[in-house]
Amino acid sequence: MITIGIPIYNAQAYLEDAINSVLAQSFKDFELILIDDGSTDNSLAIAKSFNDHRIRIYADGENKRLPYRLNQIIQLAKYDYIARMDADDLMDVDRLKIQFEYLQSNSDIDLVTTGMYSIGKSNEILGKRIPNNEMMSASQILGGLTNLLHASMLAKKEWCLRNLYQVDNALAEDYELWLSAAIKNDLKYHVIQEPLYYYREIENVKKVKMIKGYNTQIEVIRKYSKGIISQFNTNVVILKFNIKKLVVYFLDLLNLMTILEKRRVTKISSHDEKRYKANIVKIKSMGLN
């Protein structure tokens, strides 16, 4: 029923746990596509070490970057629903079950995303983020932010085929995906307000990656803004991104990037911690089988 796609690039530190979190799912009717994007570490060997008939591995030795691999997953998918996941993340064992049941019960919705727990390098829980559940318009998305956590997406394959990724955009491919779909009036989604995805945010709050990402978002805004928001509002949004870049430069210079990590999430409760630990136990147990 579901194709799960994980693009892999030098993810040896986290890949085993990521795959185990898929195999631990309460929803069992899936295939897992692992596509290596020219890794130079042991990622491909780790992927091949798993013996499960539901796993399909592809490796061509080339580094074609994330958007190309995401499109490749869509083309290779056998099933009618496609789930995203990054190779350094984890997910709640009921993630697929909850998302699939929602889509089955709401035929007018094309994709669902979730909230998330932020986790550290040793799988420690650092905080959570639960986005608002509302369908954003193209003009709202052009404001620079969305409530969609890309890696937590479960979508109908037919929607994915209508909305392929721009292969020349490897740093804001999700932002351009949401924006271009919204402009076509083809962004009908729901946000499940539960932390069903475990996002290793610590790997993404880095100066070079953030600056490149902001620059790419500015390019996307310039590309799509005409006729949707005014030139004045376009300039205001771009100014905000340039200010964000200055903040990143300043915090990195002072070795204070952890401030950004903390500002992105809210505190967890004892219930959150208990829930997360129970899931980690189930995920880790897969590696003992």
C-alpha atoms as a PDB file:
ATOM      1  CA  MET A   1       0.000   0.000   0.000  1.00  0.00           C
ATOM      2  CA  ILE A   2       2.854   2.438   0.796  1.00  0.00           C
ATOM      3  CA  THR A   3       6.250   3.074  -0.794  1.00  0.00           C
ATOM      4  CA  ILE A   4       8.724   4.600   1.646  1.00  0.00           C
ATOM      5  CA  GLY A   5      11.659   6.341   0.007  1.00  0.00           C
ATOM      6  CA  ILE A   6      14.936   7.159   1.745  1.00  0.00           C
ATOM      7  CA  PRO A   7      17.653   8.912  -0.291  1.00  0.00           C
ATOM      8  CA  ILE A   8      21.071   8.226   1.238  1.00  0.00           C
ATOM      9  CA  TYR A   9      24.245  10.288   1.175  1.00  0.00           C
ATOM     10  CA  ASN A  10      27.013   9.598   3.710  1.00  0.00           C
ATOM     11  CA  ALA A  11      24.569   8.714   6.482  1.00  0.00           C
ATOM     12  CA  GLN A  12      26.442   5.834   8.101  1.00  0.00           C
ATOM     13  CA  ALA A  13      26.125   7.299  11.600  1.00  0.00           C
ATOM     14  CA  TYR A  14      22.317   7.170  11.568  1.00  0.00           C
ATOM     15  CA  LEU A  15      21.147   4.939   8.721  1.00  0.00           C
ATOM     16  CA  GLU A  16      20.757   1.689  10.654  1.00  0.00           C
ATOM     17  CA  ASP A  17      18.399   3.301  13.168  1.00  0.00           C
ATOM     18  CA  ALA A  18      16.477   5.040  10.378  1.00  0.00           C
ATOM     19  CA  ILE A  19      15.843   1.751   8.584  1.00  0.00           C
ATOM     20  CA  ASN A  20      14.934   0.002  11.831  1.00  0.00           C
ATOM     21  CA  SER A  21      12.345   2.696  12.557  1.00  0.00           C
ATOM     22  CA  VAL A  22      10.701   1.773   9.244  1.00  0.00           C
ATOM     23  CA  LEU A  23      10.817  -1.951   9.950  1.00  0.00           C
ATOM     24  CA  ALA A  24       9.301  -1.305  13.397  1.00  0.00           C
ATOM     25  CA  GLN A  25       6.160   0.284  11.908  1.00  0.00           C
ATOM     26  CA  SER A  26       2.802  -1.087  13.056  1.00  0.00           C
ATOM     27  CA  PHE A  27       1.728  -0.665   9.407  1.00  0.00           C
ATOM     28  CA  LYS A  28       3.380  -3.587   7.627  1.00  0.00           C
ATOM     29  CA  ASP A  29       2.190  -3.308   4.012  1.00  0.00           C
ATOM     30  CA  PHE A  30       5.024  -1.294   2.533  1.00  0.00           C
ATOM     31  CA  GLU A  31       8.104  -1.386   0.362  1.00  0.00           C
ATOM     32  CA  LEU A  32      11.223   0.518   1.365  1.00  0.00           C
ATOM     33  CA  ILE A  33      13.294   2.048  -1.434  1.00  0.00           C
ATOM     34  CA  LEU A  34      16.843   2.961  -0.433  1.00  0.00           C
ATOM     35  CA  ILE A  35      18.656   5.057  -3.044  1.00  0.00           C
ATOM     36  CA  ASP A  36      22.315   5.775  -2.501  1.00  0.00           C
ATOM     37  CA  ASP A  37      23.463   9.090  -3.956  1.00  0.00           C
ATOM     38  CA  GLY A  38      27.140   8.286  -4.405  1.00  0.00           C
ATOM     39  CA  SER A  39      28.041   7.886  -0.731  1.00  0.00           C
ATOM     40  CA  THR A  40      31.746   7.682   0.069  1.00  0.00           C
ATOM     41  CA  ASP A  41      31.263   6.138   3.520  1.00  0.00           C
ATOM     42  CA  ASN A  42      29.755   2.774   4.565  1.00  0.00           C
ATOM     43  CA  SER A  43      26.136   3.784   3.963  1.00  0.00           C
ATOM     44  CA  LEU A  44      25.578   1.413   1.039  1.00  0.00           C
ATOM     45  CA  ALA A  45      27.057  -1.521   2.949  1.00  0.00           C
ATOM     46  CA  ILE A  46      24.752  -0.778   5.880  1.00  0.00           C
ATOM     47  CA  ALA A  47      21.743  -0.681   3.559  1.00  0.00           C
ATOM     48  CA  LYS A  48      22.734  -4.029   2.018  1.00  0.00           C
ATOM     49  CA  SER A  49      23.138  -5.636   5.451  1.00  0.00           C
ATOM     50  CA  PHE A  50      19.364  -5.739   5.947  1.00  0.00           C
ATOM     51  CA  ASN A  51      17.588  -8.930   4.924  1.00  0.00           C
ATOM     52  CA  ASP A  52      13.958  -8.009   4.332  1.00  0.00           C
ATOM     53  CA  HIS A  53      12.048  -8.745   1.134  1.00  0.00           C
ATOM     54  CA  ARG A  54      10.328  -5.357   1.350  1.00  0.00           C
ATOM     55  CA  ILE A  55      13.615  -3.481   0.884  1.00  0.00           C
ATOM     56  CA  ARG A  56      14.808  -2.447  -2.600  1.00  0.00           C
ATOM     57  CA  ILE A  57      18.258  -0.876  -2.979  1.00  0.00           C
ATOM     58  CA  TYR A  58      19.465   1.272  -5.875  1.00  0.00           C
ATOM     59  CA  ALA A  59      22.985   2.615  -6.366  1.00  0.00           C
ATOM     60  CA  ASP A  60      24.543   3.984  -9.541  1.00  0.00           C
ATOM     61  CA  GLY A  61      27.682   5.448  -7.924  1.00  0.00           C
ATOM     62  CA  GLU A  62      26.758   8.999  -8.917  1.00  0.00           C
ATOM     63  CA  ASN A  63      25.983  12.062  -6.824  1.00  0.00           C
ATOM     64  CA  LYS A  64      22.875  13.567  -8.430  1.00  0.00           C
ATOM     65  CA  ARG A  65      21.579  15.298  -5.273  1.00  0.00           C
ATOM     66  CA  LEU A  66      18.339  15.105  -3.368  1.00  0.00           C
ATOM     67  CA  PRO A  67      15.673  16.430  -5.803  1.00  0.00           C
ATOM     68  CA  TYR A  68      16.802  14.018  -8.539  1.00  0.00           C
ATOM     69  CA  ARG A  69      16.649  11.090  -6.110  1.00  0.00           C
ATOM     70  CA  LEU A  70      13.220  12.102  -4.825  1.00  0.00           C
ATOM     71  CA  ASN A  71      11.885  12.124  -8.384  1.00  0.00           C
ATOM     72  CA  GLN A  72      13.537   8.745  -8.919  1.00  0.00           C
ATOM     73  CA  ILE A  73      11.714   7.318  -5.907  1.00  0.00           C
ATOM     74  CA  ILE A  74       8.398   8.566  -7.299  1.00  0.00           C
ATOM     75  CA  GLN A  75       9.086   6.840 -10.618  1.00  0.00           C
ATOM     76  CA  LEU A  76      10.191   3.587  -8.969  1.00  0.00           C
ATOM     77  CA  ALA A  77       7.345   3.413  -6.444  1.00  0.00           C
ATOM     78  CA  LYS A  78       5.088   0.373  -6.845  1.00  0.00           C
ATOM     79  CA  TYR A  79       2.297   1.609  -4.622  1.00  0.00           C
ATOM     80  CA  ASP A  80      -0.303   4.384  -4.627  1.00  0.00           C
ATOM     81  CA  TYR A  81       1.052   6.223  -1.582  1.00  0.00           C
ATOM     82  CA  ILE A  82       4.582   7.532  -1.103  1.00  0.00           C
ATOM     83  CA  ALA A  83       6.177   8.379   2.248  1.00  0.00           C
ATOM     84  CA  ARG A  84       9.225  10.623   2.646  1.00  0.00           C
ATOM     85  CA  MET A  85      11.967  10.059   5.151  1.00  0.00           C
ATOM     86  CA  ASP A  86      15.531  11.308   5.542  1.00  0.00           C
ATOM     87  CA  ALA A  87      18.394   8.901   6.215  1.00  0.00           C
ATOM     88  CA  ASP A  88      19.400  10.553   9.485  1.00  0.00           C
ATOM     89  CA  ASP A  89      15.942  10.672  11.072  1.00  0.00           C
ATOM     90  CA  LEU A  90      13.559   8.322  12.882  1.00  0.00           C
ATOM     91  CA  MET A  91       9.792   7.985  13.083  1.00  0.00           C
ATOM     92  CA  ASP A  92       7.118   6.956  15.541  1.00  0.00           C
ATOM     93  CA  VAL A  93       6.141   3.317  15.079  1.00  0.00           C
ATOM     94  CA  ASP A  94       2.533   4.356  14.339  1.00  0.00           C
ATOM     95  CA  ARG A  95       3.393   7.133  11.890  1.00  0.00           C
ATOM     96  CA  LEU A  96       2.409   5.333   8.683  1.00  0.00           C
ATOM     97  CA  LYS A  97      -0.698   3.784  10.195  1.00  0.00           C
ATOM     98  CA  ILE A  98      -2.055   7.138  11.380  1.00  0.00           C
ATOM     99  CA  GLN A  99      -1.247   8.971   8.139  1.00  0.00           C
ATOM    100  CA  PHE A 100      -2.589   6.193   5.910  1.00  0.00           C
ATOM    101  CA  GLU A 101      -5.867   5.965   7.832  1.00  0.00           C
ATOM    102  CA  TYR A 102      -6.349   9.715   7.510  1.00  0.00           C
ATOM    103  CA  LEU A 103      -5.859   9.693   3.736  1.00  0.00           C
ATOM    104  CA  GLN A 104      -8.151   6.701   3.380  1.00  0.00           C
ATOM    105  CA  SER A 105     -10.896   8.558   5.254  1.00  0.00           C
ATOM    106  CA  ASN A 106     -10.431  11.903   3.472  1.00  0.00           C
ATOM    107  CA  SER A 107     -10.396  11.419  -0.289  1.00  0.00           C
ATOM    108  CA  ASP A 108     -10.220  15.179  -0.945  1.00  0.00           C
ATOM    109  CA  ILE A 109      -6.775  15.397   0.713  1.00  0.00           C
ATOM    110  CA  ASP A 110      -3.643  14.586  -1.309  1.00  0.00           C
ATOM    111  CA  LEU A 111      -0.997  14.580   1.388  1.00  0.00           C
ATOM    112  CA  VAL A 112      -0.506  14.603   5.132  1.00  0.00           C
ATOM    113  CA  THR A 113       2.419  15.754   7.246  1.00  0.00           C
ATOM    114  CA  THR A 114       3.003  15.592  10.998  1.00  0.00           C
ATOM    115  CA  GLY A 115       4.568  17.308  13.945  1.00  0.00           C
ATOM    116  CA  MET A 116       7.978  16.244  15.180  1.00  0.00           C
ATOM    117  CA  TYR A 117      10.355  15.661  18.047  1.00  0.00           C
ATOM    118  CA  SER A 118      13.783  17.236  17.602  1.00  0.00           C
ATOM    119  CA  ILE A 119      16.534  14.724  18.409  1.00  0.00           C
ATOM    120  CA  GLY A 120      20.280  14.945  18.898  1.00  0.00           C
ATOM    121  CA  LYS A 121      23.258  12.958  17.657  1.00  0.00           C
ATOM    122  CA  SER A 122      22.738  10.183  20.224  1.00  0.00           C
ATOM    123  CA  ASN A 123      18.956  10.000  19.747  1.00  0.00           C
ATOM    124  CA  GLU A 124      18.332  12.191  22.785  1.00  0.00           C
ATOM    125  CA  ILE A 125      15.091  14.149  22.631  1.00  0.00           C
ATOM    126  CA  LEU A 126      15.619  17.932  22.578  1.00  0.00           C
ATOM    127  CA  GLY A 127      12.178  19.452  22.005  1.00  0.00           C
ATOM    128  CA  LYS A 128       9.126  19.294  19.783  1.00  0.00           C
ATOM    129  CA  ARG A 129       7.366  21.285  17.102  1.00  0.00           C
ATOM    130  CA  ILE A 130       3.674  20.951  16.318  1.00  0.00           C
ATOM    131  CA  PRO A 131       2.689  23.102  13.297  1.00  0.00           C
ATOM    132  CA  ASN A 132      -0.740  24.646  12.896  1.00  0.00           C
ATOM    133  CA  ASN A 133      -3.207  22.667  10.828  1.00  0.00           C
ATOM    134  CA  GLU A 134      -4.263  24.950   8.004  1.00  0.00           C
ATOM    135  CA  MET A 135      -3.906  24.886   4.234  1.00  0.00           C
ATOM    136  CA  MET A 136      -1.612  27.744   3.307  1.00  0.00           C
ATOM    137  CA  SER A 137      -2.127  29.750   0.126  1.00  0.00           C
ATOM    138  CA  ALA A 138       0.596  30.640  -2.368  1.00  0.00           C
ATOM    139  CA  SER A 139       0.778  34.179  -0.991  1.00  0.00           C
ATOM    140  CA  GLN A 140       1.253  32.836   2.554  1.00  0.00           C
ATOM    141  CA  ILE A 141       3.994  30.453   1.444  1.00  0.00           C
ATOM    142  CA  LEU A 142       5.721  33.325  -0.351  1.00  0.00           C
ATOM    143  CA  GLY A 143       5.981  34.897   3.084  1.00  0.00           C
ATOM    144  CA  GLY A 144       8.845  32.479   3.623  1.00  0.00           C
ATOM    145  CA  LEU A 145       7.480  29.870   5.995  1.00  0.00           C
ATOM    146  CA  THR A 146       5.162  26.878   5.770  1.00  0.00           C
ATOM    147  CA  ASN A 147       3.576  24.511   8.253  1.00  0.00           C
ATOM    148  CA  LEU A 148       4.652  21.445   6.250  1.00  0.00           C
ATOM    149  CA  LEU A 149       7.442  19.196   7.526  1.00  0.00           C
ATOM    150  CA  HIS A 150       8.659  17.807   4.211  1.00  0.00           C
ATOM    151  CA  ALA A 151      10.341  14.643   5.496  1.00  0.00           C
ATOM    152  CA  SER A 152       7.161  13.557   7.302  1.00  0.00           C
ATOM    153  CA  MET A 153       5.020  13.641   4.150  1.00  0.00           C
ATOM    154  CA  LEU A 154       2.766  10.800   3.032  1.00  0.00           C
ATOM    155  CA  ALA A 155       1.205  11.631  -0.344  1.00  0.00           C
ATOM    156  CA  LYS A 156      -0.797  10.048  -3.104  1.00  0.00           C
ATOM    157  CA  LYS A 157       1.521   8.930  -5.889  1.00  0.00           C
ATOM    158  CA  GLU A 158      -0.694  10.635  -8.466  1.00  0.00           C
ATOM    159  CA  TRP A 159      -0.130  13.951  -6.676  1.00  0.00           C
ATOM    160  CA  CYS A 160       3.634  13.360  -6.609  1.00  0.00           C
ATOM    161  CA  LEU A 161       3.658  12.677 -10.340  1.00  0.00           C
ATOM    162  CA  ARG A 162       1.834  15.964 -10.938  1.00  0.00           C
ATOM    163  CA  ASN A 163       4.291  17.816  -8.721  1.00  0.00           C
ATOM    164  CA  LEU A 164       7.807  16.600  -9.369  1.00  0.00           C
ATOM    165  CA  TYR A 165      10.827  18.288  -7.809  1.00  0.00           C
ATOM    166  CA  GLN A 166      12.943  20.851  -9.621  1.00  0.00           C
ATOM    167  CA  VAL A 167      16.255  19.020 -10.008  1.00  0.00           C
ATOM    168  CA  ASP A 168      18.298  22.243  -9.990  1.00  0.00           C
ATOM    169  CA  ASN A 169      17.023  23.143  -6.511  1.00  0.00           C
ATOM    170  CA  ALA A 170      18.804  21.012  -3.926  1.00  0.00           C
ATOM    171  CA  LEU A 171      18.461  23.251  -0.883  1.00  0.00           C
ATOM    172  CA  ALA A 172      14.884  24.540  -0.956  1.00  0.00           C
ATOM    173  CA  GLU A 173      13.266  21.797  -3.023  1.00  0.00           C
ATOM    174  CA  ASP A 174      10.444  21.401  -0.515  1.00  0.00           C
ATOM    175  CA  TYR A 175       9.687  25.122  -0.399  1.00  0.00           C
ATOM    176  CA  GLU A 176       9.478  25.286  -4.195  1.00  0.00           C
ATOM    177  CA  LEU A 177       7.342  22.130  -4.229  1.00  0.00           C
ATOM    178  CA  TRP A 178       4.739  23.619  -1.883  1.00  0.00           C
ATOM    179  CA  LEU A 179       4.772  26.977  -3.640  1.00  0.00           C
ATOM    180  CA  SER A 180       4.441  25.672  -7.189  1.00  0.00           C
ATOM    181  CA  ALA A 181       1.662  23.258  -6.158  1.00  0.00           C
ATOM    182  CA  ALA A 182      -0.224  26.028  -4.349  1.00  0.00           C
ATOM    183  CA  ILE A 183      -0.014  28.303  -7.394  1.00  0.00           C
ATOM    184  CA  LYS A 184      -1.625  25.512  -9.452  1.00  0.00           C
ATOM    185  CA  ASN A 185      -4.305  25.127  -6.741  1.00  0.00           C
ATOM    186  CA  ASP A 186      -2.987  21.611  -6.191  1.00  0.00           C
ATOM    187  CA  LEU A 187      -1.921  21.732  -2.550  1.00  0.00           C
ATOM    188  CA  LYS A 188      -4.654  20.034  -0.515  1.00  0.00           C
ATOM    189  CA  TYR A 189      -3.139  18.789   2.702  1.00  0.00           C
ATOM    190  CA  HIS A 190      -3.643  18.112   6.382  1.00  0.00           C
ATOM    191  CA  VAL A 191      -1.214  18.440   9.278  1.00  0.00           C
ATOM    192  CA  ILE A 192      -1.563  15.697  11.898  1.00  0.00           C
ATOM    193  CA  GLN A 193      -0.727  17.519  15.087  1.00  0.00           C
ATOM    194  CA  GLU A 194       1.199  14.714  16.711  1.00  0.00           C
ATOM    195  CA  PRO A 195       5.006  14.303  16.923  1.00  0.00           C
ATOM    196  CA  LEU A 196       5.136  11.297  14.590  1.00  0.00           C
ATOM    197  CA  TYR A 197       8.481  12.214  13.016  1.00  0.00           C
ATOM    198  CA  TYR A 198      11.823  12.427  14.823  1.00  0.00           C
ATOM    199  CA  TYR A 199      13.908  15.081  13.104  1.00  0.00           C
ATOM    200  CA  ARG A 200      17.665  15.360  13.642  1.00  0.00           C
ATOM    201  CA  GLU A 201      17.555  19.128  13.472  1.00  0.00           C
ATOM    202  CA  ILE A 202      21.037  19.430  14.893  1.00  0.00           C
ATOM    203  CA  GLU A 203      22.398  18.265  11.515  1.00  0.00           C
ATOM    204  CA  ASN A 204      20.600  21.088   9.702  1.00  0.00           C
ATOM    205  CA  VAL A 205      21.317  24.076  11.946  1.00  0.00           C
ATOM    206  CA  LYS A 206      24.719  24.801  10.410  1.00  0.00           C
ATOM    207  CA  LYS A 207      25.939  28.069   8.904  1.00  0.00           C
ATOM    208  CA  VAL A 208      26.847  26.949   5.382  1.00  0.00           C
ATOM    209  CA  LYS A 209      23.701  24.871   4.915  1.00  0.00           C
ATOM    210  CA  MET A 210      21.407  27.564   6.314  1.00  0.00           C
ATOM    211  CA  ILE A 211      22.924  30.405   4.275  1.00  0.00           C
ATOM    212  CA  LYS A 212      22.725  28.397   1.051  1.00  0.00           C
ATOM    213  CA  GLY A 213      19.152  27.424   1.902  1.00  0.00           C
ATOM    214  CA  TYR A 214      18.113  31.036   2.517  1.00  0.00           C
ATOM    215  CA  ASN A 215      19.748  32.152  -0.735  1.00  0.00           C
ATOM    216  CA  THR A 216      17.890  29.453  -2.651  1.00  0.00           C
ATOM    217  CA  GLN A 217      14.592  30.427  -1.049  1.00  0.00           C
ATOM    218  CA  ILE A 218      15.181  34.037  -2.120  1.00  0.00           C
ATOM    219  CA  GLU A 219      15.697  32.821  -5.694  1.00  0.00           C
ATOM    220  CA  VAL A 220      12.439  30.817  -5.520  1.00  0.00           C
ATOM    221  CA  ILE A 221      10.543  33.836  -4.175  1.00  0.00           C
ATOM    222  CA  ARG A 222      11.815  36.025  -7.007  1.00  0.00           C
ATOM    223  CA  LYS A 223      10.885  33.321  -9.522  1.00  0.00           C
ATOM    224  CA  TYR A 224       7.271  32.902  -8.401  1.00  0.00           C
ATOM    225  CA  SER A 225       6.184  36.129  -6.706  1.00  0.00           C
ATOM    226  CA  LYS A 226       5.083  38.130  -9.769  1.00  0.00           C
ATOM    227  CA  GLY A 227       1.317  38.353  -9.925  1.00  0.00           C
ATOM    228  CA  ILE A 228       0.838  36.771  -6.491  1.00  0.00           C
ATOM    229  CA  ILE A 229       2.246  39.382  -4.132  1.00  0.00           C
ATOM    230  CA  SER A 230       3.314  42.960  -4.828  1.00  0.00           C
ATOM    231  CA  GLN A 231       6.900  43.944  -5.541  1.00  0.00           C
ATOM    232  CA  PHE A 232       6.928  45.825  -2.228  1.00  0.00           C
ATOM    233  CA  ASN A 233       5.918  42.696  -0.299  1.00  0.00           C
ATOM    234  CA  THR A 234       8.439  40.663  -2.279  1.00  0.00           C
ATOM    235  CA  ASN A 235      11.182  43.056  -1.221  1.00  0.00           C
ATOM    236  CA  VAL A 236      10.026  42.872   2.406  1.00  0.00           C
ATOM    237  CA  VAL A 237      10.177  39.053   2.408  1.00  0.00           C
ATOM    238  CA  ILE A 238      13.628  39.066   0.821  1.00  0.00           C
ATOM    239  CA  LEU A 239      14.802  41.590   3.413  1.00  0.00           C
ATOM    240  CA  LYS A 240      13.633  39.256   6.177  1.00  0.00           C
ATOM    241  CA  PHE A 241      15.688  36.429   4.710  1.00  0.00           C
ATOM    242  CA  ASN A 242      18.749  38.654   4.451  1.00  0.00           C
ATOM    243  CA  ILE A 243      18.320  39.575   8.118  1.00  0.00           C
ATOM    244  CA  LYS A 244      18.110  35.859   8.963  1.00  0.00           C
ATOM    245  CA  LYS A 245      21.396  35.342   7.134  1.00  0.00           C
ATOM    246  CA  LEU A 246      23.046  38.089   9.199  1.00  0.00           C
ATOM    247  CA  VAL A 247      21.768  36.479  12.399  1.00  0.00           C
ATOM    248  CA  VAL A 248      23.231  33.124  11.348  1.00  0.00           C
ATOM    249  CA  TYR A 249      26.605  34.713  10.538  1.00  0.00           C
ATOM    250  CA  PHE A 250      26.623  36.486  13.911  1.00  0.00           C
ATOM    251  CA  LEU A 251      25.631  33.430  15.978  1.00  0.00           C
ATOM    252  CA  ASP A 252      28.102  31.203  14.177  1.00  0.00           C
ATOM    253  CA  LEU A 253      30.892  33.726  14.762  1.00  0.00           C
ATOM    254  CA  LEU A 254      30.116  33.679  18.484  1.00  0.00           C
ATOM    255  CA  ASN A 255      29.656  29.886  18.550  1.00  0.00           C
ATOM    256  CA  LEU A 256      26.026  30.331  19.621  1.00  0.00           C
ATOM    257  CA  MET A 257      24.177  28.334  16.955  1.00  0.00           C
ATOM    258  CA  THR A 258      22.519  26.284  19.700  1.00  0.00           C
ATOM    259  CA  ILE A 259      20.303  29.327  20.275  1.00  0.00           C
ATOM    260  CA  LEU A 260      18.668  28.693  16.897  1.00  0.00           C
ATOM    261  CA  GLU A 261      18.168  25.025  17.714  1.00  0.00           C
ATOM    262  CA  LYS A 262      16.330  25.915  20.911  1.00  0.00           C
ATOM    263  CA  ARG A 263      14.202  28.654  19.318  1.00  0.00           C
ATOM    264  CA  ARG A 264      12.833  26.228  16.719  1.00  0.00           C
ATOM    265  CA  VAL A 265      11.205  23.918  19.251  1.00  0.00           C
ATOM    266  CA  THR A 266       9.155  23.968  22.440  1.00  0.00           C
ATOM    267  CA  LYS A 267       9.847  22.075  25.647  1.00  0.00           C
ATOM    268  CA  ILE A 268       8.789  18.463  26.007  1.00  0.00           C
ATOM    269  CA  SER A 269       6.591  17.098  28.781  1.00  0.00           C
ATOM    270  CA  SER A 270       7.054  13.930  30.812  1.00  0.00           C
ATOM    271  CA  HIS A 271       4.436  12.348  28.532  1.00  0.00           C
ATOM    272  CA  ASP A 272       6.527  13.271  25.487  1.00  0.00           C
ATOM    273  CA  GLU A 273       9.642  11.781  27.021  1.00  0.00           C
ATOM    274  CA  LYS A 274       7.855   8.570  27.980  1.00  0.00           C
ATOM    275  CA  ARG A 275       6.299   8.222  24.528  1.00  0.00           C
ATOM    276  CA  TYR A 276       9.586   8.848  22.771  1.00  0.00           C
ATOM    277  CA  LYS A 277      11.562   6.407  24.930  1.00  0.00           C
ATOM    278  CA  ALA A 278       8.979   3.665  24.349  1.00  0.00           C
ATOM    279  CA  ASN A 279       9.360   4.156  20.607  1.00  0.00           C
ATOM    280  CA  ILE A 280      13.151   4.101  20.775  1.00  0.00           C
ATOM    281  CA  VAL A 281      13.009   0.769  22.622  1.00  0.00           C
ATOM    282  CA  LYS A 282      10.863  -0.709  19.835  1.00  0.00           C
ATOM    283  CA  ILE A 283      13.143   0.685  17.138  1.00  0.00           C
ATOM    284  CA  LYS A 284      16.324  -0.571  18.812  1.00  0.00           C
ATOM    285  CA  SER A 285      14.758  -3.999  19.296  1.00  0.00           C
ATOM    286  CA  MET A 286      14.595  -4.411  15.515  1.00  0.00           C
ATOM    287  CA  GLY A 287      18.371  -4.411  15.404  1.00  0.00           C
ATOM    288  CA  LEU A 288      18.438  -7.387  17.757  1.00  0.00           C
ATOM    289  CA  ASN A 289      16.267  -9.594  15.539  1.00  0.00           C
END
